[in-house]
Structure formats: C-alpha cells, structure tokens
C-alpha cells in the first residue's frame, strides 16, 4: 500500500517507532495508533520509507 501524502508517511513512521520501542505506544493518536495496532513492522517500514518530495501535504478526498 503506497502512501499518498506526507501525513500518511509521518503516521507510519510514528507507528514504526512505537513498534521498535523507540517511542511509547501510548503517545500515538489517530491514524498512527490504528496503524500500530493493525499493521506489521514490515508493512510500516514499506510505508514510512521513500521520498516525500512531490507528495501533497494531505491526501485529497
């Protein structure tokens, strides 16, 4: 599942940090919290890596 915006990529990065133990899971909110609960470390790594250049700040509806 490719990310479509910078915000999605940031949320995936925050969830990945919590999975690795670099951040407390209780500090997560919103999308990052649901990603933390529902996705594996490998899935989060794929979403968080990559370039942010050229992506919109927020996903358009």
C-alpha atoms as a PDB file:
ATOM      1  CA  UNK A   1       0.000   0.000   0.000  1.00  0.00           C
ATOM      2  CA  UNK A   2       1.829   3.129  -1.151  1.00  0.00           C
ATOM      3  CA  UNK A   3       1.440   6.342   0.803  1.00  0.00           C
ATOM      4  CA  UNK A   4      -0.338   9.185  -0.919  1.00  0.00           C
ATOM      5  CA  UNK A   5       0.706  12.059   1.331  1.00  0.00           C
ATOM      6  CA  UNK A   6       3.360  13.306   3.730  1.00  0.00           C
ATOM      7  CA  UNK A   7       0.964  12.967   6.668  1.00  0.00           C
ATOM      8  CA  UNK A   8       0.395   9.265   5.952  1.00  0.00           C
ATOM      9  CA  UNK A   9       4.131   8.738   5.766  1.00  0.00           C
ATOM     10  CA  UNK A  10       4.681  10.539   9.076  1.00  0.00           C
ATOM     11  CA  UNK A  11       1.960   8.485  10.771  1.00  0.00           C
ATOM     12  CA  UNK A  12       3.546   5.272   9.503  1.00  0.00           C
ATOM     13  CA  UNK A  13       6.929   6.427  10.805  1.00  0.00           C
ATOM     14  CA  UNK A  14       5.500   7.176  14.249  1.00  0.00           C
ATOM     15  CA  UNK A  15       3.788   3.774  14.401  1.00  0.00           C
ATOM     16  CA  UNK A  16       7.010   2.067  13.302  1.00  0.00           C
ATOM     17  CA  UNK A  17       8.977   3.856  16.027  1.00  0.00           C
ATOM     18  CA  UNK A  18       6.465   2.594  18.602  1.00  0.00           C
ATOM     19  CA  UNK A  19       6.725  -0.977  17.247  1.00  0.00           C
ATOM     20  CA  UNK A  20      10.508  -0.779  17.570  1.00  0.00           C
ATOM     21  CA  UNK A  21      10.247   0.535  21.134  1.00  0.00           C
ATOM     22  CA  UNK A  22      11.769   3.906  20.312  1.00  0.00           C
ATOM     23  CA  UNK A  23       8.544   5.668  21.278  1.00  0.00           C
ATOM     24  CA  UNK A  24       5.750   4.894  23.721  1.00  0.00           C
ATOM     25  CA  UNK A  25       2.656   3.406  22.120  1.00  0.00           C
ATOM     26  CA  UNK A  26       0.505   5.472  24.498  1.00  0.00           C
ATOM     27  CA  UNK A  27       1.773   8.655  22.817  1.00  0.00           C
ATOM     28  CA  UNK A  28       0.225   7.676  19.459  1.00  0.00           C
ATOM     29  CA  UNK A  29      -3.045   9.241  18.314  1.00  0.00           C
ATOM     30  CA  UNK A  30      -5.319   8.969  15.313  1.00  0.00           C
ATOM     31  CA  UNK A  31      -4.014   7.240  12.202  1.00  0.00           C
ATOM     32  CA  UNK A  32      -0.681   6.264  13.732  1.00  0.00           C
ATOM     33  CA  UNK A  33      -2.455   4.476  16.586  1.00  0.00           C
ATOM     34  CA  UNK A  34      -4.625   2.434  14.234  1.00  0.00           C
ATOM     35  CA  UNK A  35      -1.614   1.657  12.030  1.00  0.00           C
ATOM     36  CA  UNK A  36       0.299   0.480  15.105  1.00  0.00           C
ATOM     37  CA  UNK A  37      -2.475  -1.930  16.033  1.00  0.00           C
ATOM     38  CA  UNK A  38      -3.289  -3.299  12.595  1.00  0.00           C
ATOM     39  CA  UNK A  39      -0.028  -3.417  10.630  1.00  0.00           C
ATOM     40  CA  UNK A  40       3.173  -5.426  10.867  1.00  0.00           C
ATOM     41  CA  UNK A  41       6.642  -3.929  11.216  1.00  0.00           C
ATOM     42  CA  UNK A  42       7.450  -4.797   7.583  1.00  0.00           C
ATOM     43  CA  UNK A  43       4.294  -3.088   6.280  1.00  0.00           C
ATOM     44  CA  UNK A  44       5.016   0.027   8.320  1.00  0.00           C
ATOM     45  CA  UNK A  45       8.625   0.086   7.112  1.00  0.00           C
ATOM     46  CA  UNK A  46       7.459  -0.023   3.480  1.00  0.00           C
ATOM     47  CA  UNK A  47       5.023   2.841   4.083  1.00  0.00           C
ATOM     48  CA  UNK A  48       7.450   5.018   6.039  1.00  0.00           C
ATOM     49  CA  UNK A  49      10.425   4.752   3.695  1.00  0.00           C
ATOM     50  CA  UNK A  50      10.653   6.603   0.426  1.00  0.00           C
ATOM     51  CA  UNK A  51      10.833  10.149  -0.752  1.00  0.00           C
ATOM     52  CA  UNK A  52       8.464  12.836   0.446  1.00  0.00           C
ATOM     53  CA  UNK A  53       9.308  15.204  -2.355  1.00  0.00           C
ATOM     54  CA  UNK A  54       6.419  15.650  -4.749  1.00  0.00           C
ATOM     55  CA  UNK A  55       3.774  14.293  -2.374  1.00  0.00           C
ATOM     56  CA  UNK A  56       0.973  16.556  -1.220  1.00  0.00           C
ATOM     57  CA  UNK A  57       0.885  17.562   2.437  1.00  0.00           C
ATOM     58  CA  UNK A  58      -2.517  15.940   2.890  1.00  0.00           C
ATOM     59  CA  UNK A  59      -4.387  13.353   0.869  1.00  0.00           C
ATOM     60  CA  UNK A  60      -7.075  14.888  -1.332  1.00  0.00           C
ATOM     61  CA  UNK A  61     -10.564  13.496  -0.896  1.00  0.00           C
END
